[in-house]
């Protein structure tokens, strides 16, 4: 049964939850929550984006409260990535030396993307610290079972939040198209008590380009993990970078019992 308007409540109605949380679905008598962290190109103000992810998350987590963690995102890096994607195949190279006009445009775009990415990483670190504090100070008090879901650079927010937590504080984690290298999870995975599911796609052109620019190299959202253990499970899907919410709706995924 889909949630109606009565199921959506503001954060102020839940004692102790910080204002940056927005509850998408509220079911009575539940002690389980799913905290969704969007990527660098989306925000809570994008209602279409929010509704798409809500449908996908509702498909997987049917008995949990859904909370949307909003962090400082910007669409600039997405625009630059798309320019570069087209430019690598369609931009004509003019004769006249190494630094032709077209080559300079492409080079400048590379620099802009790198700068935007470095800015995003810093913002993700700050957001991760904020998310960790919110979980420790308020969310953990309201919910017995906590699942984190991160998309794109939102997975880096999740990774940074986990890195500062005590062992086994979070029950499970889902990362979708994660723009993070594998090594960054060595410490973070210790905060997860059950499983972390990594949804990745070799068709993800955005992360393929990120790998080409080394921002980051070999992102797990494109390559998967090379070293798996009992906690990390790779789930390969056929998906573009922005369409993971569809995959959550289309195929059943193994979900830890959160009732």
C-alpha atoms as a PDB file:
ATOM      1  CA  UNK A   1       0.000   0.000   0.000  1.00  0.00           C
ATOM      2  CA  UNK A   2       1.408   3.348  -1.012  1.00  0.00           C
ATOM      3  CA  UNK A   3       1.705   6.029   1.642  1.00  0.00           C
ATOM      4  CA  UNK A   4      -0.856   8.807   1.564  1.00  0.00           C
ATOM      5  CA  UNK A   5      -0.493  12.431   2.610  1.00  0.00           C
ATOM      6  CA  UNK A   6      -1.130  11.453   6.201  1.00  0.00           C
ATOM      7  CA  UNK A   7       2.050   9.337   6.160  1.00  0.00           C
ATOM      8  CA  UNK A   8       4.308  12.305   5.445  1.00  0.00           C
ATOM      9  CA  UNK A   9       5.287  14.417   8.425  1.00  0.00           C
ATOM     10  CA  UNK A  10       7.771  17.158   9.112  1.00  0.00           C
ATOM     11  CA  UNK A  11      10.874  16.595  11.167  1.00  0.00           C
ATOM     12  CA  UNK A  12       9.508  18.797  13.885  1.00  0.00           C
ATOM     13  CA  UNK A  13       6.931  16.099  14.649  1.00  0.00           C
ATOM     14  CA  UNK A  14       9.659  13.632  15.630  1.00  0.00           C
ATOM     15  CA  UNK A  15      11.388  14.449  18.848  1.00  0.00           C
ATOM     16  CA  UNK A  16      15.076  15.168  18.592  1.00  0.00           C
ATOM     17  CA  UNK A  17      15.486  14.863  14.817  1.00  0.00           C
ATOM     18  CA  UNK A  18      17.486  17.711  13.254  1.00  0.00           C
ATOM     19  CA  UNK A  19      15.917  20.109  10.762  1.00  0.00           C
ATOM     20  CA  UNK A  20      18.057  18.912   7.846  1.00  0.00           C
ATOM     21  CA  UNK A  21      16.115  15.643   7.843  1.00  0.00           C
ATOM     22  CA  UNK A  22      12.940  15.310   5.846  1.00  0.00           C
ATOM     23  CA  UNK A  23      10.754  12.301   6.457  1.00  0.00           C
ATOM     24  CA  UNK A  24       9.320  10.938   3.207  1.00  0.00           C
ATOM     25  CA  UNK A  25       7.213   8.189   4.725  1.00  0.00           C
ATOM     26  CA  UNK A  26       6.052   7.577   8.260  1.00  0.00           C
ATOM     27  CA  UNK A  27       4.613   4.255   9.372  1.00  0.00           C
ATOM     28  CA  UNK A  28       3.335   3.887  12.905  1.00  0.00           C
ATOM     29  CA  UNK A  29       4.989   1.594  15.452  1.00  0.00           C
ATOM     30  CA  UNK A  30       8.208   1.119  13.508  1.00  0.00           C
ATOM     31  CA  UNK A  31      11.703   1.304  14.954  1.00  0.00           C
ATOM     32  CA  UNK A  32      13.461   1.080  11.584  1.00  0.00           C
ATOM     33  CA  UNK A  33      14.668   3.961   9.437  1.00  0.00           C
ATOM     34  CA  UNK A  34      16.291   4.372   6.039  1.00  0.00           C
ATOM     35  CA  UNK A  35      18.365   7.520   5.558  1.00  0.00           C
ATOM     36  CA  UNK A  36      18.826   8.443   1.892  1.00  0.00           C
ATOM     37  CA  UNK A  37      21.729  10.687   0.822  1.00  0.00           C
ATOM     38  CA  UNK A  38      21.453  12.222  -2.648  1.00  0.00           C
ATOM     39  CA  UNK A  39      24.314  12.859  -5.057  1.00  0.00           C
ATOM     40  CA  UNK A  40      26.131  16.075  -5.921  1.00  0.00           C
ATOM     41  CA  UNK A  41      23.700  17.070  -8.655  1.00  0.00           C
ATOM     42  CA  UNK A  42      20.453  16.800  -6.708  1.00  0.00           C
ATOM     43  CA  UNK A  43      18.813  18.334  -3.695  1.00  0.00           C
ATOM     44  CA  UNK A  44      15.715  18.124  -1.539  1.00  0.00           C
ATOM     45  CA  UNK A  45      14.261  21.037  -3.522  1.00  0.00           C
ATOM     46  CA  UNK A  46      14.029  18.829  -6.633  1.00  0.00           C
ATOM     47  CA  UNK A  47      10.588  17.287  -6.061  1.00  0.00           C
ATOM     48  CA  UNK A  48      10.755  15.079  -9.167  1.00  0.00           C
ATOM     49  CA  UNK A  49      14.054  13.583  -8.044  1.00  0.00           C
ATOM     50  CA  UNK A  50      12.782  13.125  -4.498  1.00  0.00           C
ATOM     51  CA  UNK A  51       9.600  11.365  -5.635  1.00  0.00           C
ATOM     52  CA  UNK A  52      11.503   9.000  -7.962  1.00  0.00           C
ATOM     53  CA  UNK A  53      13.791   7.882  -5.167  1.00  0.00           C
ATOM     54  CA  UNK A  54      10.894   7.597  -2.740  1.00  0.00           C
ATOM     55  CA  UNK A  55       9.174   5.119  -5.063  1.00  0.00           C
ATOM     56  CA  UNK A  56      12.339   3.080  -5.425  1.00  0.00           C
ATOM     57  CA  UNK A  57      13.087   3.047  -1.718  1.00  0.00           C
ATOM     58  CA  UNK A  58       9.481   2.203  -0.857  1.00  0.00           C
ATOM     59  CA  UNK A  59       9.824  -0.821  -3.142  1.00  0.00           C
ATOM     60  CA  UNK A  60      12.744  -2.207  -1.134  1.00  0.00           C
ATOM     61  CA  UNK A  61      12.118  -0.932   2.384  1.00  0.00           C
ATOM     62  CA  UNK A  62       8.425  -1.455   2.996  1.00  0.00           C
ATOM     63  CA  UNK A  63       8.351  -1.220   6.795  1.00  0.00           C
ATOM     64  CA  UNK A  64      10.767   1.630   7.509  1.00  0.00           C
ATOM     65  CA  UNK A  65      10.581   5.375   7.898  1.00  0.00           C
ATOM     66  CA  UNK A  66      12.371   7.121   5.026  1.00  0.00           C
ATOM     67  CA  UNK A  67      14.509  10.122   5.864  1.00  0.00           C
ATOM     68  CA  UNK A  68      16.116  12.347   3.215  1.00  0.00           C
ATOM     69  CA  UNK A  69      19.485  13.828   4.187  1.00  0.00           C
ATOM     70  CA  UNK A  70      19.997  17.108   2.322  1.00  0.00           C
ATOM     71  CA  UNK A  71      23.549  18.382   1.791  1.00  0.00           C
ATOM     72  CA  UNK A  72      25.117  21.228  -0.166  1.00  0.00           C
ATOM     73  CA  UNK A  73      24.881  20.018  -3.778  1.00  0.00           C
ATOM     74  CA  UNK A  74      25.537  21.768  -7.080  1.00  0.00           C
ATOM     75  CA  UNK A  75      24.581  20.956 -10.678  1.00  0.00           C
ATOM     76  CA  UNK A  76      27.732  22.463 -12.179  1.00  0.00           C
ATOM     77  CA  UNK A  77      29.786  19.280 -12.118  1.00  0.00           C
ATOM     78  CA  UNK A  78      27.006  17.335 -13.883  1.00  0.00           C
ATOM     79  CA  UNK A  79      26.888  19.887 -16.700  1.00  0.00           C
ATOM     80  CA  UNK A  80      30.651  19.751 -17.140  1.00  0.00           C
ATOM     81  CA  UNK A  81      30.668  15.961 -17.201  1.00  0.00           C
ATOM     82  CA  UNK A  82      28.075  15.988 -19.984  1.00  0.00           C
ATOM     83  CA  UNK A  83      30.108  18.531 -21.976  1.00  0.00           C
ATOM     84  CA  UNK A  84      33.174  16.344 -21.686  1.00  0.00           C
ATOM     85  CA  UNK A  85      31.285  13.180 -22.618  1.00  0.00           C
ATOM     86  CA  UNK A  86      30.151  14.746 -25.896  1.00  0.00           C
ATOM     87  CA  UNK A  87      33.417  16.557 -26.445  1.00  0.00           C
ATOM     88  CA  UNK A  88      35.572  13.442 -26.281  1.00  0.00           C
ATOM     89  CA  UNK A  89      33.804  11.980 -29.327  1.00  0.00           C
ATOM     90  CA  UNK A  90      32.408  14.967 -31.206  1.00  0.00           C
ATOM     91  CA  UNK A  91      34.796  17.881 -30.633  1.00  0.00           C
ATOM     92  CA  UNK A  92      36.811  18.497 -33.845  1.00  0.00           C
ATOM     93  CA  UNK A  93      40.532  18.985 -33.436  1.00  0.00           C
ATOM     94  CA  UNK A  94      41.807  21.826 -35.584  1.00  0.00           C
ATOM     95  CA  UNK A  95      45.290  21.773 -37.125  1.00  0.00           C
ATOM     96  CA  UNK A  96      47.950  24.186 -35.996  1.00  0.00           C
ATOM     97  CA  UNK A  97      49.814  22.677 -33.081  1.00  0.00           C
ATOM     98  CA  UNK A  98      49.203  20.902 -29.798  1.00  0.00           C
ATOM     99  CA  UNK A  99      47.104  23.644 -28.188  1.00  0.00           C
ATOM    100  CA  UNK A 100      44.521  24.320 -30.856  1.00  0.00           C
ATOM    101  CA  UNK A 101      41.347  26.146 -29.970  1.00  0.00           C
ATOM    102  CA  UNK A 102      39.381  22.915 -29.527  1.00  0.00           C
ATOM    103  CA  UNK A 103      42.123  21.320 -27.436  1.00  0.00           C
ATOM    104  CA  UNK A 104      42.215  24.346 -25.126  1.00  0.00           C
ATOM    105  CA  UNK A 105      38.442  24.170 -24.642  1.00  0.00           C
ATOM    106  CA  UNK A 106      38.702  20.497 -23.755  1.00  0.00           C
ATOM    107  CA  UNK A 107      41.651  21.086 -21.426  1.00  0.00           C
ATOM    108  CA  UNK A 108      39.870  23.934 -19.637  1.00  0.00           C
ATOM    109  CA  UNK A 109      36.808  21.693 -19.181  1.00  0.00           C
ATOM    110  CA  UNK A 110      38.995  19.015 -17.598  1.00  0.00           C
ATOM    111  CA  UNK A 111      40.333  21.569 -15.129  1.00  0.00           C
ATOM    112  CA  UNK A 112      36.854  22.831 -14.292  1.00  0.00           C
ATOM    113  CA  UNK A 113      35.568  19.314 -13.677  1.00  0.00           C
ATOM    114  CA  UNK A 114      38.534  18.509 -11.433  1.00  0.00           C
ATOM    115  CA  UNK A 115      38.035  21.708  -9.443  1.00  0.00           C
ATOM    116  CA  UNK A 116      34.285  21.014  -9.107  1.00  0.00           C
ATOM    117  CA  UNK A 117      35.014  17.472  -7.959  1.00  0.00           C
ATOM    118  CA  UNK A 118      37.560  18.599  -5.357  1.00  0.00           C
ATOM    119  CA  UNK A 119      34.996  21.061  -4.021  1.00  0.00           C
ATOM    120  CA  UNK A 120      32.383  18.310  -3.904  1.00  0.00           C
ATOM    121  CA  UNK A 121      34.708  16.005  -1.963  1.00  0.00           C
ATOM    122  CA  UNK A 122      35.267  18.664   0.698  1.00  0.00           C
ATOM    123  CA  UNK A 123      31.524  19.277   0.969  1.00  0.00           C
ATOM    124  CA  UNK A 124      30.923  15.532   1.219  1.00  0.00           C
ATOM    125  CA  UNK A 125      33.402  15.303   4.089  1.00  0.00           C
ATOM    126  CA  UNK A 126      31.629  18.082   5.969  1.00  0.00           C
ATOM    127  CA  UNK A 127      28.222  16.564   5.227  1.00  0.00           C
ATOM    128  CA  UNK A 128      29.451  13.150   6.404  1.00  0.00           C
ATOM    129  CA  UNK A 129      30.502  14.587   9.752  1.00  0.00           C
ATOM    130  CA  UNK A 130      27.103  16.252  10.093  1.00  0.00           C
ATOM    131  CA  UNK A 131      25.302  13.007   9.236  1.00  0.00           C
ATOM    132  CA  UNK A 132      27.363  11.073  11.786  1.00  0.00           C
ATOM    133  CA  UNK A 133      26.543  13.602  14.512  1.00  0.00           C
ATOM    134  CA  UNK A 134      22.838  13.486  13.653  1.00  0.00           C
ATOM    135  CA  UNK A 135      22.797   9.682  13.803  1.00  0.00           C
ATOM    136  CA  UNK A 136      24.665   9.571  17.119  1.00  0.00           C
ATOM    137  CA  UNK A 137      22.756  12.415  18.784  1.00  0.00           C
ATOM    138  CA  UNK A 138      19.199  11.915  17.557  1.00  0.00           C
ATOM    139  CA  UNK A 139      18.409   9.266  14.937  1.00  0.00           C
ATOM    140  CA  UNK A 140      19.891   6.436  16.988  1.00  0.00           C
ATOM    141  CA  UNK A 141      17.643   7.453  19.883  1.00  0.00           C
ATOM    142  CA  UNK A 142      14.518   7.215  17.711  1.00  0.00           C
ATOM    143  CA  UNK A 143      15.299   4.038  15.794  1.00  0.00           C
ATOM    144  CA  UNK A 144      16.651   0.625  16.696  1.00  0.00           C
ATOM    145  CA  UNK A 145      17.542  -0.334  13.108  1.00  0.00           C
ATOM    146  CA  UNK A 146      19.257   2.138  10.738  1.00  0.00           C
ATOM    147  CA  UNK A 147      20.011   1.658   7.049  1.00  0.00           C
ATOM    148  CA  UNK A 148      21.973   4.197   5.007  1.00  0.00           C
ATOM    149  CA  UNK A 149      21.496   4.588   1.243  1.00  0.00           C
ATOM    150  CA  UNK A 150      23.871   6.771  -0.780  1.00  0.00           C
ATOM    151  CA  UNK A 151      23.779   7.632  -4.485  1.00  0.00           C
ATOM    152  CA  UNK A 152      26.821   8.859  -6.450  1.00  0.00           C
ATOM    153  CA  UNK A 153      28.777  11.303  -4.275  1.00  0.00           C
ATOM    154  CA  UNK A 154      26.134  10.748  -1.634  1.00  0.00           C
ATOM    155  CA  UNK A 155      27.924   7.425  -1.114  1.00  0.00           C
ATOM    156  CA  UNK A 156      31.018   9.424  -0.164  1.00  0.00           C
ATOM    157  CA  UNK A 157      28.909  11.296   2.394  1.00  0.00           C
ATOM    158  CA  UNK A 158      27.853   7.936   3.803  1.00  0.00           C
ATOM    159  CA  UNK A 159      31.445   6.659   3.764  1.00  0.00           C
ATOM    160  CA  UNK A 160      32.679   9.728   5.649  1.00  0.00           C
ATOM    161  CA  UNK A 161      29.891   9.390   8.198  1.00  0.00           C
ATOM    162  CA  UNK A 162      30.725   5.735   8.847  1.00  0.00           C
ATOM    163  CA  UNK A 163      34.451   6.406   9.152  1.00  0.00           C
ATOM    164  CA  UNK A 164      33.975   8.277  12.435  1.00  0.00           C
ATOM    165  CA  UNK A 165      31.455   5.912  14.023  1.00  0.00           C
ATOM    166  CA  UNK A 166      31.883   3.173  16.571  1.00  0.00           C
ATOM    167  CA  UNK A 167      31.866  -0.420  15.247  1.00  0.00           C
ATOM    168  CA  UNK A 168      28.470  -1.909  14.305  1.00  0.00           C
ATOM    169  CA  UNK A 169      26.518   1.325  14.840  1.00  0.00           C
ATOM    170  CA  UNK A 170      24.702   1.050  11.467  1.00  0.00           C
ATOM    171  CA  UNK A 171      22.841  -2.118  10.540  1.00  0.00           C
ATOM    172  CA  UNK A 172      23.087  -2.055   6.747  1.00  0.00           C
ATOM    173  CA  UNK A 173      24.193   0.153   3.847  1.00  0.00           C
ATOM    174  CA  UNK A 174      23.230   0.423   0.183  1.00  0.00           C
ATOM    175  CA  UNK A 175      25.433   2.428  -2.193  1.00  0.00           C
ATOM    176  CA  UNK A 176      24.258   3.100  -5.772  1.00  0.00           C
ATOM    177  CA  UNK A 177      26.668   4.308  -8.462  1.00  0.00           C
ATOM    178  CA  UNK A 178      29.147   5.174  -5.734  1.00  0.00           C
ATOM    179  CA  UNK A 179      31.762   7.758  -6.747  1.00  0.00           C
ATOM    180  CA  UNK A 180      34.273   6.431  -4.229  1.00  0.00           C
ATOM    181  CA  UNK A 181      37.433   4.306  -4.515  1.00  0.00           C
ATOM    182  CA  UNK A 182      37.560   0.926  -2.818  1.00  0.00           C
ATOM    183  CA  UNK A 183      40.297   1.837  -0.334  1.00  0.00           C
ATOM    184  CA  UNK A 184      38.103   4.476   1.305  1.00  0.00           C
ATOM    185  CA  UNK A 185      35.813   1.756   2.690  1.00  0.00           C
ATOM    186  CA  UNK A 186      38.471  -0.151   4.639  1.00  0.00           C
ATOM    187  CA  UNK A 187      37.750   1.769   7.826  1.00  0.00           C
ATOM    188  CA  UNK A 188      34.120   2.690   7.185  1.00  0.00           C
ATOM    189  CA  UNK A 189      32.841  -0.862   6.808  1.00  0.00           C
ATOM    190  CA  UNK A 190      33.625  -1.536  10.479  1.00  0.00           C
ATOM    191  CA  UNK A 191      30.647   0.626  11.464  1.00  0.00           C
ATOM    192  CA  UNK A 192      28.267  -1.720   9.585  1.00  0.00           C
ATOM    193  CA  UNK A 193      26.975  -4.691  11.580  1.00  0.00           C
ATOM    194  CA  UNK A 194      25.199  -6.659   8.826  1.00  0.00           C
ATOM    195  CA  UNK A 195      25.727  -6.051   5.089  1.00  0.00           C
ATOM    196  CA  UNK A 196      26.691  -3.393   2.573  1.00  0.00           C
ATOM    197  CA  UNK A 197      25.215  -3.808  -0.909  1.00  0.00           C
ATOM    198  CA  UNK A 198      27.100  -2.107  -3.747  1.00  0.00           C
ATOM    199  CA  UNK A 199      24.897  -1.537  -6.809  1.00  0.00           C
ATOM    200  CA  UNK A 200      27.247  -0.847  -9.718  1.00  0.00           C
ATOM    201  CA  UNK A 201      27.039  -0.637 -13.500  1.00  0.00           C
ATOM    202  CA  UNK A 202      29.683  -0.968 -16.196  1.00  0.00           C
ATOM    203  CA  UNK A 203      27.382   1.137 -18.396  1.00  0.00           C
ATOM    204  CA  UNK A 204      27.807   4.156 -16.120  1.00  0.00           C
ATOM    205  CA  UNK A 205      29.441   6.713 -18.423  1.00  0.00           C
ATOM    206  CA  UNK A 206      29.675   9.374 -15.728  1.00  0.00           C
ATOM    207  CA  UNK A 207      31.797   7.137 -13.492  1.00  0.00           C
ATOM    208  CA  UNK A 208      33.760   5.837 -16.498  1.00  0.00           C
ATOM    209  CA  UNK A 209      34.721   9.441 -17.222  1.00  0.00           C
ATOM    210  CA  UNK A 210      35.483  10.020 -13.558  1.00  0.00           C
ATOM    211  CA  UNK A 211      37.880   7.062 -13.731  1.00  0.00           C
ATOM    212  CA  UNK A 212      39.513   8.555 -16.844  1.00  0.00           C
ATOM    213  CA  UNK A 213      40.079  11.820 -14.951  1.00  0.00           C
ATOM    214  CA  UNK A 214      41.109   9.960 -11.770  1.00  0.00           C
ATOM    215  CA  UNK A 215      38.319  11.655  -9.790  1.00  0.00           C
ATOM    216  CA  UNK A 216      38.259   9.004  -8.421  1.00  0.00           C
ATOM    217  CA  UNK A 217      40.189   6.161 -10.004  1.00  0.00           C
ATOM    218  CA  UNK A 218      38.296   2.845 -10.201  1.00  0.00           C
ATOM    219  CA  UNK A 219      35.079   3.992  -8.468  1.00  0.00           C
ATOM    220  CA  UNK A 220      33.228   1.034  -6.960  1.00  0.00           C
ATOM    221  CA  UNK A 221      30.015   2.225  -8.623  1.00  0.00           C
ATOM    222  CA  UNK A 222      31.594   1.361 -11.971  1.00  0.00           C
ATOM    223  CA  UNK A 223      34.059  -1.438 -11.235  1.00  0.00           C
ATOM    224  CA  UNK A 224      32.637  -3.073  -8.126  1.00  0.00           C
ATOM    225  CA  UNK A 225      34.885  -4.251  -5.290  1.00  0.00           C
ATOM    226  CA  UNK A 226      37.974  -6.322  -6.115  1.00  0.00           C
ATOM    227  CA  UNK A 227      38.114  -7.729  -2.586  1.00  0.00           C
ATOM    228  CA  UNK A 228      34.810  -8.870  -1.110  1.00  0.00           C
ATOM    229  CA  UNK A 229      34.200 -10.075   2.418  1.00  0.00           C
ATOM    230  CA  UNK A 230      31.252 -11.269   4.431  1.00  0.00           C
ATOM    231  CA  UNK A 231      29.859  -7.754   4.745  1.00  0.00           C
ATOM    232  CA  UNK A 232      30.267  -6.376   1.210  1.00  0.00           C
ATOM    233  CA  UNK A 233      28.030  -7.709  -1.569  1.00  0.00           C
ATOM    234  CA  UNK A 234      28.358  -6.525  -5.182  1.00  0.00           C
ATOM    235  CA  UNK A 235      25.144  -6.273  -7.219  1.00  0.00           C
ATOM    236  CA  UNK A 236      25.785  -5.575 -10.913  1.00  0.00           C
ATOM    237  CA  UNK A 237      22.943  -3.871 -12.808  1.00  0.00           C
ATOM    238  CA  UNK A 238      22.456  -2.459 -16.301  1.00  0.00           C
ATOM    239  CA  UNK A 239      21.927   1.155 -15.460  1.00  0.00           C
ATOM    240  CA  UNK A 240      22.933   4.708 -16.250  1.00  0.00           C
ATOM    241  CA  UNK A 241      24.189   6.905 -13.469  1.00  0.00           C
ATOM    242  CA  UNK A 242      20.922   8.730 -12.781  1.00  0.00           C
ATOM    243  CA  UNK A 243      18.580   5.729 -13.012  1.00  0.00           C
ATOM    244  CA  UNK A 244      19.361   3.633  -9.937  1.00  0.00           C
ATOM    245  CA  UNK A 245      15.991   4.500  -8.428  1.00  0.00           C
ATOM    246  CA  UNK A 246      14.439   2.516 -11.291  1.00  0.00           C
ATOM    247  CA  UNK A 247      16.547  -0.548 -10.524  1.00  0.00           C
ATOM    248  CA  UNK A 248      15.364  -0.500  -6.933  1.00  0.00           C
ATOM    249  CA  UNK A 249      11.788  -0.720  -8.239  1.00  0.00           C
ATOM    250  CA  UNK A 250      12.398  -3.230 -11.031  1.00  0.00           C
ATOM    251  CA  UNK A 251      14.298  -6.033  -9.351  1.00  0.00           C
ATOM    252  CA  UNK A 252      13.997  -7.586  -5.901  1.00  0.00           C
ATOM    253  CA  UNK A 253      17.144  -7.142  -3.854  1.00  0.00           C
ATOM    254  CA  UNK A 254      18.057  -9.031  -0.744  1.00  0.00           C
ATOM    255  CA  UNK A 255      17.006  -6.841   2.161  1.00  0.00           C
ATOM    256  CA  UNK A 256      18.076  -7.312   5.742  1.00  0.00           C
ATOM    257  CA  UNK A 257      15.079  -7.893   7.999  1.00  0.00           C
ATOM    258  CA  UNK A 258      14.235  -4.511   9.489  1.00  0.00           C
ATOM    259  CA  UNK A 259      10.832  -5.280  10.996  1.00  0.00           C
END
